[in-house]
Amino acid sequence: MVRQCWCGARWGIPKDEKFVQEALNYFLAYYREHKLDNTRLYDGVREALASIRQSRNGQPRKMAVLSNKPVNPSRAIIESLGLAEFFASFCLWRQQLSYQEA
Protein backbone atom coordinates (compact mmCIF):
# COMPACT_ATOMS: atom_id res chain seq x y z
CA MET A 1 0.00 0.00 0.00
CA VAL A 2 2.81 2.43 0.87
CA ARG A 3 4.51 1.61 -2.44
CA GLN A 4 1.22 2.08 -4.29
CA CYS A 5 0.60 5.52 -2.80
CA TRP A 6 3.71 6.74 -4.59
CA CYS A 7 2.46 5.53 -7.97
CA GLY A 8 1.17 8.16 -10.33
CA ALA A 9 2.01 10.24 -13.34
CA ARG A 10 4.06 12.74 -11.34
CA TRP A 11 6.18 10.44 -9.19
CA GLY A 12 6.21 6.93 -10.60
CA ILE A 13 7.11 3.91 -8.54
CA PRO A 14 10.04 4.49 -6.17
CA LYS A 15 12.93 2.19 -7.00
CA ASP A 16 14.81 2.90 -3.79
CA GLU A 17 13.90 -0.03 -1.51
CA LYS A 18 15.48 1.69 1.50
CA PHE A 19 13.20 4.69 0.99
CA VAL A 20 10.14 2.43 0.65
CA GLN A 21 11.06 0.54 3.84
CA GLU A 22 11.60 3.79 5.77
CA ALA A 23 8.25 5.12 4.53
CA LEU A 24 6.54 1.87 5.55
CA ASN A 25 8.13 1.94 9.01
CA TYR A 26 7.07 5.57 9.48
CA PHE A 27 3.52 4.79 8.37
CA LEU A 28 3.20 1.75 10.66
CA ALA A 29 4.56 3.62 13.69
CA TYR A 30 2.21 6.55 13.07
CA TYR A 31 -0.76 4.29 12.43
CA ARG A 32 -0.07 2.28 15.58
CA GLU A 33 -0.52 5.46 17.64
CA HIS A 34 -3.35 7.10 15.68
CA LYS A 35 -5.49 4.25 14.29
CA LEU A 36 -8.46 5.23 16.44
CA ASP A 37 -8.24 9.01 16.01
CA ASN A 38 -11.11 9.12 13.50
CA THR A 39 -12.58 5.66 13.94
CA ARG A 40 -16.01 5.21 15.45
CA LEU A 41 -18.73 2.62 15.42
CA TYR A 42 -21.78 3.55 13.34
CA ASP A 43 -25.17 3.41 15.05
CA GLY A 44 -26.75 -0.02 14.79
CA VAL A 45 -23.59 -1.96 13.92
CA ARG A 46 -23.45 -3.92 17.18
CA GLU A 47 -27.11 -4.87 16.84
CA ALA A 48 -26.61 -5.84 13.18
CA LEU A 49 -23.64 -8.07 14.05
CA ALA A 50 -25.63 -9.73 16.83
CA SER A 51 -28.48 -10.39 14.39
CA ILE A 52 -26.16 -11.75 11.69
CA ARG A 53 -24.50 -14.03 14.24
CA GLN A 54 -27.85 -15.70 15.01
CA SER A 55 -28.66 -18.73 12.87
CA ARG A 56 -31.83 -20.72 12.48
CA ASN A 57 -30.34 -23.85 14.05
CA GLY A 58 -29.43 -22.03 17.25
CA GLN A 59 -25.68 -22.29 16.71
CA PRO A 60 -23.96 -18.90 16.34
CA ARG A 61 -22.41 -18.24 12.94
CA LYS A 62 -18.63 -17.91 12.84
CA MET A 63 -17.69 -14.51 11.45
CA ALA A 64 -14.35 -13.07 10.37
CA VAL A 65 -12.87 -9.66 9.64
CA LEU A 66 -11.48 -9.19 6.13
CA SER A 67 -9.36 -6.05 5.90
CA ASN A 68 -6.63 -4.46 3.83
CA LYS A 69 -5.15 -3.18 7.09
CA PRO A 70 -2.37 -5.11 8.83
CA VAL A 71 -3.86 -7.80 11.09
CA ASN A 72 -2.62 -6.49 14.46
CA PRO A 73 -4.03 -2.95 14.04
CA SER A 74 -7.27 -4.44 12.69
CA ARG A 75 -7.56 -6.66 15.74
CA ALA A 76 -6.78 -3.72 18.06
CA ILE A 77 -9.45 -1.56 16.41
CA ILE A 78 -12.08 -4.30 16.72
CA GLU A 79 -11.14 -4.85 20.36
CA SER A 80 -11.21 -1.11 21.13
CA LEU A 81 -14.67 -0.83 19.60
CA GLY A 82 -15.86 -3.72 21.77
CA LEU A 83 -16.61 -6.02 18.84
CA ALA A 84 -14.07 -8.83 19.35
CA GLU A 85 -16.75 -11.19 20.68
CA PHE A 86 -18.33 -11.34 17.22
CA PHE A 87 -15.28 -12.49 15.25
CA ALA A 88 -13.50 -15.85 15.21
CA SER A 89 -10.64 -14.81 12.92
CA PHE A 90 -9.02 -12.00 10.99
CA CYS A 91 -8.01 -12.17 7.33
CA LEU A 92 -5.65 -9.81 5.56
CA TRP A 93 -6.55 -9.08 1.95
CA ARG A 94 -3.64 -9.41 -0.44
CA GLN A 95 -4.18 -8.70 -4.12
CA GLN A 96 -1.69 -11.31 -5.21
CA LEU A 97 -2.73 -14.02 -2.71
CA SER A 98 -6.49 -13.34 -2.52
CA TYR A 99 -6.41 -13.55 1.30
CA GLN A 100 -4.31 -14.76 4.19
CA GLU A 101 -5.87 -15.88 7.45
CA ALA A 102 -4.25 -14.73 10.67
C-alpha atoms as a PDB file:
ATOM      1  CA  MET A   1       0.000   0.000   0.000  1.00  0.00           C
ATOM      2  CA  VAL A   2       2.808   2.431   0.867  1.00  0.00           C
ATOM      3  CA  ARG A   3       4.511   1.612  -2.437  1.00  0.00           C
ATOM      4  CA  GLN A   4       1.215   2.079  -4.292  1.00  0.00           C
ATOM      5  CA  CYS A   5       0.597   5.519  -2.795  1.00  0.00           C
ATOM      6  CA  TRP A   6       3.710   6.738  -4.589  1.00  0.00           C
ATOM      7  CA  CYS A   7       2.462   5.529  -7.971  1.00  0.00           C
ATOM      8  CA  GLY A   8       1.169   8.165 -10.325  1.00  0.00           C
ATOM      9  CA  ALA A   9       2.009  10.239 -13.338  1.00  0.00           C
ATOM     10  CA  ARG A  10       4.063  12.745 -11.342  1.00  0.00           C
ATOM     11  CA  TRP A  11       6.184  10.438  -9.185  1.00  0.00           C
ATOM     12  CA  GLY A  12       6.211   6.934 -10.601  1.00  0.00           C
ATOM     13  CA  ILE A  13       7.110   3.906  -8.536  1.00  0.00           C
ATOM     14  CA  PRO A  14      10.042   4.485  -6.170  1.00  0.00           C
ATOM     15  CA  LYS A  15      12.932   2.195  -7.002  1.00  0.00           C
ATOM     16  CA  ASP A  16      14.813   2.897  -3.791  1.00  0.00           C
ATOM     17  CA  GLU A  17      13.896  -0.026  -1.512  1.00  0.00           C
ATOM     18  CA  LYS A  18      15.479   1.691   1.503  1.00  0.00           C
ATOM     19  CA  PHE A  19      13.199   4.690   0.991  1.00  0.00           C
ATOM     20  CA  VAL A  20      10.139   2.432   0.651  1.00  0.00           C
ATOM     21  CA  GLN A  21      11.063   0.537   3.839  1.00  0.00           C
ATOM     22  CA  GLU A  22      11.602   3.794   5.773  1.00  0.00           C
ATOM     23  CA  ALA A  23       8.245   5.116   4.531  1.00  0.00           C
ATOM     24  CA  LEU A  24       6.542   1.866   5.548  1.00  0.00           C
ATOM     25  CA  ASN A  25       8.135   1.939   9.012  1.00  0.00           C
ATOM     26  CA  TYR A  26       7.069   5.572   9.485  1.00  0.00           C
ATOM     27  CA  PHE A  27       3.516   4.793   8.373  1.00  0.00           C
ATOM     28  CA  LEU A  28       3.200   1.753  10.661  1.00  0.00           C
ATOM     29  CA  ALA A  29       4.561   3.623  13.692  1.00  0.00           C
ATOM     30  CA  TYR A  30       2.206   6.552  13.069  1.00  0.00           C
ATOM     31  CA  TYR A  31      -0.764   4.291  12.429  1.00  0.00           C
ATOM     32  CA  ARG A  32      -0.071   2.282  15.584  1.00  0.00           C
ATOM     33  CA  GLU A  33      -0.524   5.461  17.639  1.00  0.00           C
ATOM     34  CA  HIS A  34      -3.352   7.101  15.676  1.00  0.00           C
ATOM     35  CA  LYS A  35      -5.486   4.254  14.287  1.00  0.00           C
ATOM     36  CA  LEU A  36      -8.462   5.234  16.440  1.00  0.00           C
ATOM     37  CA  ASP A  37      -8.239   9.015  16.005  1.00  0.00           C
ATOM     38  CA  ASN A  38     -11.110   9.124  13.499  1.00  0.00           C
ATOM     39  CA  THR A  39     -12.580   5.657  13.937  1.00  0.00           C
ATOM     40  CA  ARG A  40     -16.007   5.211  15.449  1.00  0.00           C
ATOM     41  CA  LEU A  41     -18.732   2.625  15.416  1.00  0.00           C
ATOM     42  CA  TYR A  42     -21.778   3.548  13.339  1.00  0.00           C
ATOM     43  CA  ASP A  43     -25.173   3.410  15.050  1.00  0.00           C
ATOM     44  CA  GLY A  44     -26.753  -0.018  14.791  1.00  0.00           C
ATOM     45  CA  VAL A  45     -23.594  -1.962  13.918  1.00  0.00           C
ATOM     46  CA  ARG A  46     -23.446  -3.916  17.184  1.00  0.00           C
ATOM     47  CA  GLU A  47     -27.105  -4.874  16.836  1.00  0.00           C
ATOM     48  CA  ALA A  48     -26.611  -5.840  13.184  1.00  0.00           C
ATOM     49  CA  LEU A  49     -23.641  -8.073  14.051  1.00  0.00           C
ATOM     50  CA  ALA A  50     -25.635  -9.727  16.835  1.00  0.00           C
ATOM     51  CA  SER A  51     -28.477 -10.386  14.390  1.00  0.00           C
ATOM     52  CA  ILE A  52     -26.158 -11.748  11.693  1.00  0.00           C
ATOM     53  CA  ARG A  53     -24.500 -14.027  14.241  1.00  0.00           C
ATOM     54  CA  GLN A  54     -27.846 -15.700  15.011  1.00  0.00           C
ATOM     55  CA  SER A  55     -28.656 -18.729  12.874  1.00  0.00           C
ATOM     56  CA  ARG A  56     -31.834 -20.725  12.485  1.00  0.00           C
ATOM     57  CA  ASN A  57     -30.339 -23.853  14.047  1.00  0.00           C
ATOM     58  CA  GLY A  58     -29.425 -22.028  17.255  1.00  0.00           C
ATOM     59  CA  GLN A  59     -25.678 -22.295  16.711  1.00  0.00           C
ATOM     60  CA  PRO A  60     -23.960 -18.905  16.341  1.00  0.00           C
ATOM     61  CA  ARG A  61     -22.412 -18.238  12.942  1.00  0.00           C
ATOM     62  CA  LYS A  62     -18.633 -17.906  12.839  1.00  0.00           C
ATOM     63  CA  MET A  63     -17.692 -14.513  11.449  1.00  0.00           C
ATOM     64  CA  ALA A  64     -14.355 -13.068  10.373  1.00  0.00           C
ATOM     65  CA  VAL A  65     -12.871  -9.664   9.638  1.00  0.00           C
ATOM     66  CA  LEU A  66     -11.476  -9.188   6.125  1.00  0.00           C
ATOM     67  CA  SER A  67      -9.364  -6.048   5.899  1.00  0.00           C
ATOM     68  CA  ASN A  68      -6.633  -4.463   3.831  1.00  0.00           C
ATOM     69  CA  LYS A  69      -5.151  -3.180   7.092  1.00  0.00           C
ATOM     70  CA  PRO A  70      -2.370  -5.112   8.826  1.00  0.00           C
ATOM     71  CA  VAL A  71      -3.860  -7.799  11.094  1.00  0.00           C
ATOM     72  CA  ASN A  72      -2.622  -6.488  14.462  1.00  0.00           C
ATOM     73  CA  PRO A  73      -4.027  -2.952  14.038  1.00  0.00           C
ATOM     74  CA  SER A  74      -7.274  -4.441  12.690  1.00  0.00           C
ATOM     75  CA  ARG A  75      -7.560  -6.663  15.741  1.00  0.00           C
ATOM     76  CA  ALA A  76      -6.776  -3.721  18.059  1.00  0.00           C
ATOM     77  CA  ILE A  77      -9.451  -1.565  16.405  1.00  0.00           C
ATOM     78  CA  ILE A  78     -12.083  -4.301  16.720  1.00  0.00           C
ATOM     79  CA  GLU A  79     -11.145  -4.847  20.363  1.00  0.00           C
ATOM     80  CA  SER A  80     -11.206  -1.114  21.126  1.00  0.00           C
ATOM     81  CA  LEU A  81     -14.672  -0.833  19.600  1.00  0.00           C
ATOM     82  CA  GLY A  82     -15.857  -3.725  21.775  1.00  0.00           C
ATOM     83  CA  LEU A  83     -16.607  -6.015  18.836  1.00  0.00           C
ATOM     84  CA  ALA A  84     -14.071  -8.830  19.347  1.00  0.00           C
ATOM     85  CA  GLU A  85     -16.754 -11.193  20.680  1.00  0.00           C
ATOM     86  CA  PHE A  86     -18.334 -11.336  17.216  1.00  0.00           C
ATOM     87  CA  PHE A  87     -15.278 -12.487  15.252  1.00  0.00           C
ATOM     88  CA  ALA A  88     -13.500 -15.847  15.212  1.00  0.00           C
ATOM     89  CA  SER A  89     -10.644 -14.813  12.919  1.00  0.00           C
ATOM     90  CA  PHE A  90      -9.021 -11.997  10.992  1.00  0.00           C
ATOM     91  CA  CYS A  91      -8.011 -12.167   7.331  1.00  0.00           C
ATOM     92  CA  LEU A  92      -5.654  -9.814   5.562  1.00  0.00           C
ATOM     93  CA  TRP A  93      -6.551  -9.079   1.949  1.00  0.00           C
ATOM     94  CA  ARG A  94      -3.641  -9.413  -0.444  1.00  0.00           C
ATOM     95  CA  GLN A  95      -4.178  -8.699  -4.119  1.00  0.00           C
ATOM     96  CA  GLN A  96      -1.687 -11.312  -5.215  1.00  0.00           C
ATOM     97  CA  LEU A  97      -2.727 -14.022  -2.709  1.00  0.00           C
ATOM     98  CA  SER A  98      -6.485 -13.344  -2.517  1.00  0.00           C
ATOM     99  CA  TYR A  99      -6.406 -13.552   1.301  1.00  0.00           C
ATOM    100  CA  GLN A 100      -4.314 -14.762   4.189  1.00  0.00           C
ATOM    101  CA  GLU A 101      -5.868 -15.883   7.454  1.00  0.00           C
ATOM    102  CA  ALA A 102      -4.252 -14.731  10.671  1.00  0.00           C
END
